[in-house]
Amino acid sequence: MEKEKAKSSAQQKYIRNNYVRFSLDLKPDVLEKFKELCKLNETTPTTEIKKFINEYIQENSL
């Protein structure tokens, strides 16, 4: 159990030091529909948003 805690703590520290949080406000019905569709497509909202951002960057970079 202690080993898991230490690993989790190390992962959290890494995330805090190497990532930033991006907040997004959505209407509840829009978010629920998006979650439902992601589940049907065997993916997650986070995965799809990250894919969109990466594709957008690639398509719009000079």
PDB file of N, CA and C in Angstrom:
ATOM      1  N   MET A   1       0.821  -1.194   0.000  1.00  0.00           N
ATOM      2  CA  MET A   1       0.000   0.000   0.000  1.00  0.00           C
ATOM      3  C   MET A   1       0.863   1.256   0.000  1.00  0.00           C
ATOM      4  N   GLU A   2       1.934   1.283   0.802  1.00  0.00           N
ATOM      5  CA  GLU A   2       2.830   2.442   0.858  1.00  0.00           C
ATOM      6  C   GLU A   2       3.482   2.694  -0.491  1.00  0.00           C
ATOM      7  N   LYS A   3       3.844   1.612  -1.185  1.00  0.00           N
ATOM      8  CA  LYS A   3       4.481   1.733  -2.497  1.00  0.00           C
ATOM      9  C   LYS A   3       3.531   2.406  -3.485  1.00  0.00           C
ATOM     10  N   GLU A   4       2.257   2.025  -3.448  1.00  0.00           N
ATOM     11  CA  GLU A   4       1.246   2.626  -4.324  1.00  0.00           C
ATOM     12  C   GLU A   4       1.081   4.111  -4.018  1.00  0.00           C
ATOM     13  N   LYS A   5       1.090   4.452  -2.727  1.00  0.00           N
ATOM     14  CA  LYS A   5       0.949   5.840  -2.312  1.00  0.00           C
ATOM     15  C   LYS A   5       2.115   6.679  -2.822  1.00  0.00           C
ATOM     16  N   ALA A   6       3.324   6.149  -2.690  1.00  0.00           N
ATOM     17  CA  ALA A   6       4.515   6.867  -3.146  1.00  0.00           C
ATOM     18  C   ALA A   6       4.481   7.051  -4.651  1.00  0.00           C
ATOM     19  N   LYS A   7       4.079   6.023  -5.368  1.00  0.00           N
ATOM     20  CA  LYS A   7       3.992   6.110  -6.820  1.00  0.00           C
ATOM     21  C   LYS A   7       2.958   7.149  -7.221  1.00  0.00           C
ATOM     22  N   SER A   8       1.840   7.120  -6.560  1.00  0.00           N
ATOM     23  CA  SER A   8       0.791   8.088  -6.850  1.00  0.00           C
ATOM     24  C   SER A   8       1.271   9.499  -6.567  1.00  0.00           C
ATOM     25  N   SER A   9       1.985   9.676  -5.486  1.00  0.00           N
ATOM     26  CA  SER A   9       2.511  10.978  -5.116  1.00  0.00           C
ATOM     27  C   SER A   9       3.524  11.460  -6.157  1.00  0.00           C
ATOM     28  N   ALA A  10       4.374  10.562  -6.612  1.00  0.00           N
ATOM     29  CA  ALA A  10       5.369  10.919  -7.630  1.00  0.00           C
ATOM     30  C   ALA A  10       4.683  11.291  -8.937  1.00  0.00           C
ATOM     31  N   GLN A  11       3.655  10.548  -9.305  1.00  0.00           N
ATOM     32  CA  GLN A  11       2.910  10.850 -10.527  1.00  0.00           C
ATOM     33  C   GLN A  11       2.234  12.210 -10.417  1.00  0.00           C
ATOM     34  N   GLN A  12       1.642  12.485  -9.277  1.00  0.00           N
ATOM     35  CA  GLN A  12       0.974  13.767  -9.077  1.00  0.00           C
ATOM     36  C   GLN A  12       1.970  14.917  -9.154  1.00  0.00           C
ATOM     37  N   LYS A  13       3.140  14.739  -8.585  1.00  0.00           N
ATOM     38  CA  LYS A  13       4.169  15.773  -8.645  1.00  0.00           C
ATOM     39  C   LYS A  13       4.598  16.009 -10.088  1.00  0.00           C
ATOM     40  N   TYR A  14       4.790  14.924 -10.829  1.00  0.00           N
ATOM     41  CA  TYR A  14       5.174  15.045 -12.242  1.00  0.00           C
ATOM     42  C   TYR A  14       4.106  15.813 -13.018  1.00  0.00           C
ATOM     43  N   ILE A  15       2.854  15.457 -12.809  1.00  0.00           N
ATOM     44  CA  ILE A  15       1.759  16.120 -13.506  1.00  0.00           C
ATOM     45  C   ILE A  15       1.720  17.603 -13.151  1.00  0.00           C
ATOM     46  N   ARG A  16       1.841  17.924 -11.881  1.00  0.00           N
ATOM     47  CA  ARG A  16       1.832  19.335 -11.447  1.00  0.00           C
ATOM     48  C   ARG A  16       2.955  20.133 -12.094  1.00  0.00           C
ATOM     49  N   ASN A  17       4.114  19.509 -12.277  1.00  0.00           N
ATOM     50  CA  ASN A  17       5.273  20.213 -12.821  1.00  0.00           C
ATOM     51  C   ASN A  17       5.313  20.270 -14.338  1.00  0.00           C
ATOM     52  N   ASN A  18       4.560  19.397 -15.015  1.00  0.00           N
ATOM     53  CA  ASN A  18       4.687  19.292 -16.466  1.00  0.00           C
ATOM     54  C   ASN A  18       3.397  19.526 -17.252  1.00  0.00           C
ATOM     55  N   TYR A  19       2.309  19.745 -16.578  1.00  0.00           N
ATOM     56  CA  TYR A  19       1.026  19.945 -17.251  1.00  0.00           C
ATOM     57  C   TYR A  19       0.323  21.165 -16.677  1.00  0.00           C
ATOM     58  N   VAL A  20      -0.605  21.713 -17.440  1.00  0.00           N
ATOM     59  CA  VAL A  20      -1.470  22.788 -16.950  1.00  0.00           C
ATOM     60  C   VAL A  20      -2.917  22.354 -17.143  1.00  0.00           C
ATOM     61  N   ARG A  21      -3.775  22.847 -16.296  1.00  0.00           N
ATOM     62  CA  ARG A  21      -5.194  22.518 -16.371  1.00  0.00           C
ATOM     63  C   ARG A  21      -5.876  23.504 -17.301  1.00  0.00           C
ATOM     64  N   PHE A  22      -6.801  22.998 -18.114  1.00  0.00           N
ATOM     65  CA  PHE A  22      -7.554  23.803 -19.065  1.00  0.00           C
ATOM     66  C   PHE A  22      -9.033  23.649 -18.743  1.00  0.00           C
ATOM     67  N   SER A  23      -9.611  24.679 -18.162  1.00  0.00           N
ATOM     68  CA  SER A  23     -11.029  24.618 -17.778  1.00  0.00           C
ATOM     69  C   SER A  23     -11.912  24.937 -18.969  1.00  0.00           C
ATOM     70  N   LEU A  24     -13.064  24.317 -18.976  1.00  0.00           N
ATOM     71  CA  LEU A  24     -14.009  24.509 -20.072  1.00  0.00           C
ATOM     72  C   LEU A  24     -15.422  24.491 -19.506  1.00  0.00           C
ATOM     73  N   ASP A  25     -16.172  25.559 -19.760  1.00  0.00           N
ATOM     74  CA  ASP A  25     -17.552  25.621 -19.287  1.00  0.00           C
ATOM     75  C   ASP A  25     -18.485  25.189 -20.415  1.00  0.00           C
ATOM     76  N   LEU A  26     -19.331  24.224 -20.111  1.00  0.00           N
ATOM     77  CA  LEU A  26     -20.305  23.723 -21.085  1.00  0.00           C
ATOM     78  C   LEU A  26     -21.675  23.658 -20.433  1.00  0.00           C
ATOM     79  N   LYS A  27     -22.685  23.715 -21.256  1.00  0.00           N
ATOM     80  CA  LYS A  27     -24.038  23.499 -20.740  1.00  0.00           C
ATOM     81  C   LYS A  27     -24.142  22.038 -20.328  1.00  0.00           C
ATOM     82  N   PRO A  28     -24.827  21.768 -19.231  1.00  0.00           N
ATOM     83  CA  PRO A  28     -24.918  20.387 -18.738  1.00  0.00           C
ATOM     84  C   PRO A  28     -25.441  19.389 -19.774  1.00  0.00           C
ATOM     85  N   ASP A  29     -26.428  19.774 -20.546  1.00  0.00           N
ATOM     86  CA  ASP A  29     -26.980  18.843 -21.535  1.00  0.00           C
ATOM     87  C   ASP A  29     -25.978  18.544 -22.649  1.00  0.00           C
ATOM     88  N   VAL A  30     -25.173  19.532 -23.014  1.00  0.00           N
ATOM     89  CA  VAL A  30     -24.154  19.331 -24.043  1.00  0.00           C
ATOM     90  C   VAL A  30     -23.079  18.369 -23.523  1.00  0.00           C
ATOM     91  N   LEU A  31     -22.636  18.584 -22.303  1.00  0.00           N
ATOM     92  CA  LEU A  31     -21.621  17.714 -21.718  1.00  0.00           C
ATOM     93  C   LEU A  31     -22.134  16.282 -21.591  1.00  0.00           C
ATOM     94  N   GLU A  32     -23.350  16.112 -21.134  1.00  0.00           N
ATOM     95  CA  GLU A  32     -23.908  14.765 -20.985  1.00  0.00           C
ATOM     96  C   GLU A  32     -24.009  14.050 -22.329  1.00  0.00           C
ATOM     97  N   LYS A  33     -24.453  14.751 -23.350  1.00  0.00           N
ATOM     98  CA  LYS A  33     -24.557  14.151 -24.682  1.00  0.00           C
ATOM     99  C   LYS A  33     -23.181  13.762 -25.197  1.00  0.00           C
ATOM    100  N   PHE A  34     -22.198  14.635 -24.999  1.00  0.00           N
ATOM    101  CA  PHE A  34     -20.837  14.354 -25.422  1.00  0.00           C
ATOM    102  C   PHE A  34     -20.289  13.113 -24.708  1.00  0.00           C
ATOM    103  N   LYS A  35     -20.512  13.032 -23.392  1.00  0.00           N
ATOM    104  CA  LYS A  35     -20.074  11.866 -22.624  1.00  0.00           C
ATOM    105  C   LYS A  35     -20.728  10.591 -23.139  1.00  0.00           C
ATOM    106  N   GLU A  36     -22.030  10.654 -23.401  1.00  0.00           N
ATOM    107  CA  GLU A  36     -22.768   9.486 -23.908  1.00  0.00           C
ATOM    108  C   GLU A  36     -22.197   9.026 -25.244  1.00  0.00           C
ATOM    109  N   LEU A  37     -21.966   9.967 -26.141  1.00  0.00           N
ATOM    110  CA  LEU A  37     -21.449   9.613 -27.462  1.00  0.00           C
ATOM    111  C   LEU A  37     -20.034   9.060 -27.376  1.00  0.00           C
ATOM    112  N   CYS A  38     -19.234   9.623 -26.523  1.00  0.00           N
ATOM    113  CA  CYS A  38     -17.885   9.095 -26.329  1.00  0.00           C
ATOM    114  C   CYS A  38     -17.943   7.656 -25.830  1.00  0.00           C
ATOM    115  N   LYS A  39     -18.809   7.409 -24.876  1.00  0.00           N
ATOM    116  CA  LYS A  39     -18.944   6.053 -24.339  1.00  0.00           C
ATOM    117  C   LYS A  39     -19.383   5.078 -25.431  1.00  0.00           C
ATOM    118  N   LEU A  40     -20.333   5.488 -26.247  1.00  0.00           N
ATOM    119  CA  LEU A  40     -20.786   4.643 -27.350  1.00  0.00           C
ATOM    120  C   LEU A  40     -19.656   4.344 -28.330  1.00  0.00           C
ATOM    121  N   ASN A  41     -18.754   5.288 -28.488  1.00  0.00           N
ATOM    122  CA  ASN A  41     -17.625   5.129 -29.401  1.00  0.00           C
ATOM    123  C   ASN A  41     -16.379   4.581 -28.705  1.00  0.00           C
ATOM    124  N   GLU A  42     -16.567   4.118 -27.466  1.00  0.00           N
ATOM    125  CA  GLU A  42     -15.497   3.503 -26.674  1.00  0.00           C
ATOM    126  C   GLU A  42     -14.275   4.412 -26.537  1.00  0.00           C
ATOM    127  N   THR A  43     -14.543   5.646 -26.173  1.00  0.00           N
ATOM    128  CA  THR A  43     -13.494   6.621 -25.932  1.00  0.00           C
ATOM    129  C   THR A  43     -13.907   7.472 -24.738  1.00  0.00           C
ATOM    130  N   THR A  44     -13.126   8.485 -24.423  1.00  0.00           N
ATOM    131  CA  THR A  44     -13.469   9.374 -23.317  1.00  0.00           C
ATOM    132  C   THR A  44     -13.496  10.817 -23.819  1.00  0.00           C
ATOM    133  N   PRO A  45     -14.222  11.671 -23.145  1.00  0.00           N
ATOM    134  CA  PRO A  45     -14.236  13.085 -23.533  1.00  0.00           C
ATOM    135  C   PRO A  45     -12.830  13.696 -23.530  1.00  0.00           C
ATOM    136  N   THR A  46     -12.025  13.356 -22.537  1.00  0.00           N
ATOM    137  CA  THR A  46     -10.672  13.898 -22.458  1.00  0.00           C
ATOM    138  C   THR A  46      -9.845  13.488 -23.671  1.00  0.00           C
ATOM    139  N   THR A  47      -9.930  12.224 -24.043  1.00  0.00           N
ATOM    140  CA  THR A  47      -9.192  11.736 -25.214  1.00  0.00           C
ATOM    141  C   THR A  47      -9.612  12.488 -26.467  1.00  0.00           C
ATOM    142  N   GLU A  48     -10.910  12.674 -26.649  1.00  0.00           N
ATOM    143  CA  GLU A  48     -11.403  13.339 -27.857  1.00  0.00           C
ATOM    144  C   GLU A  48     -11.025  14.816 -27.896  1.00  0.00           C
ATOM    145  N   ILE A  49     -11.055  15.469 -26.757  1.00  0.00           N
ATOM    146  CA  ILE A  49     -10.661  16.882 -26.708  1.00  0.00           C
ATOM    147  C   ILE A  49      -9.174  17.017 -27.015  1.00  0.00           C
ATOM    148  N   LYS A  50      -8.352  16.133 -26.443  1.00  0.00           N
ATOM    149  CA  LYS A  50      -6.920  16.168 -26.718  1.00  0.00           C
ATOM    150  C   LYS A  50      -6.639  15.881 -28.194  1.00  0.00           C
ATOM    151  N   LYS A  51      -7.351  14.923 -28.785  1.00  0.00           N
ATOM    152  CA  LYS A  51      -7.182  14.634 -30.209  1.00  0.00           C
ATOM    153  C   LYS A  51      -7.536  15.865 -31.044  1.00  0.00           C
ATOM    154  N   PHE A  52      -8.644  16.508 -30.712  1.00  0.00           N
ATOM    155  CA  PHE A  52      -9.047  17.702 -31.444  1.00  0.00           C
ATOM    156  C   PHE A  52      -7.969  18.782 -31.372  1.00  0.00           C
ATOM    157  N   ILE A  53      -7.446  19.031 -30.189  1.00  0.00           N
ATOM    158  CA  ILE A  53      -6.433  20.071 -30.012  1.00  0.00           C
ATOM    159  C   ILE A  53      -5.181  19.740 -30.829  1.00  0.00           C
ATOM    160  N   ASN A  54      -4.721  18.504 -30.765  1.00  0.00           N
ATOM    161  CA  ASN A  54      -3.529  18.109 -31.526  1.00  0.00           C
ATOM    162  C   ASN A  54      -3.752  18.221 -33.033  1.00  0.00           C
ATOM    163  N   GLU A  55      -4.918  17.784 -33.508  1.00  0.00           N
ATOM    164  CA  GLU A  55      -5.229  17.905 -34.940  1.00  0.00           C
ATOM    165  C   GLU A  55      -5.320  19.367 -35.359  1.00  0.00           C
ATOM    166  N   TYR A  56      -5.925  20.191 -34.526  1.00  0.00           N
ATOM    167  CA  TYR A  56      -6.055  21.613 -34.824  1.00  0.00           C
ATOM    168  C   TYR A  56      -4.680  22.267 -34.938  1.00  0.00           C
ATOM    169  N   ILE A  57      -3.797  21.927 -34.031  1.00  0.00           N
ATOM    170  CA  ILE A  57      -2.437  22.475 -34.062  1.00  0.00           C
ATOM    171  C   ILE A  57      -1.727  22.048 -35.351  1.00  0.00           C
ATOM    172  N   GLN A  58      -1.818  20.771 -35.695  1.00  0.00           N
ATOM    173  CA  GLN A  58      -1.174  20.279 -36.913  1.00  0.00           C
ATOM    174  C   GLN A  58      -1.724  20.947 -38.164  1.00  0.00           C
ATOM    175  N   GLU A  59      -3.022  21.091 -38.236  1.00  0.00           N
ATOM    176  CA  GLU A  59      -3.650  21.668 -39.424  1.00  0.00           C
ATOM    177  C   GLU A  59      -3.429  23.160 -39.558  1.00  0.00           C
ATOM    178  N   ASN A  60      -3.175  23.832 -38.446  1.00  0.00           N
ATOM    179  CA  ASN A  60      -3.084  25.279 -38.473  1.00  0.00           C
ATOM    180  C   ASN A  60      -1.696  25.846 -38.197  1.00  0.00           C
ATOM    181  N   SER A  61      -0.720  24.970 -38.075  1.00  0.00           N
ATOM    182  CA  SER A  61       0.650  25.433 -37.864  1.00  0.00           C
ATOM    183  C   SER A  61       1.255  25.861 -39.186  1.00  0.00           C
ATOM    184  N   LEU A  62       2.118  26.827 -39.099  1.00  0.00           N
ATOM    185  CA  LEU A  62       2.769  27.340 -40.324  1.00  0.00           C
ATOM    186  C   LEU A  62       3.962  26.542 -40.709  1.00  0.00           C
TER     187      LEU A  62
END
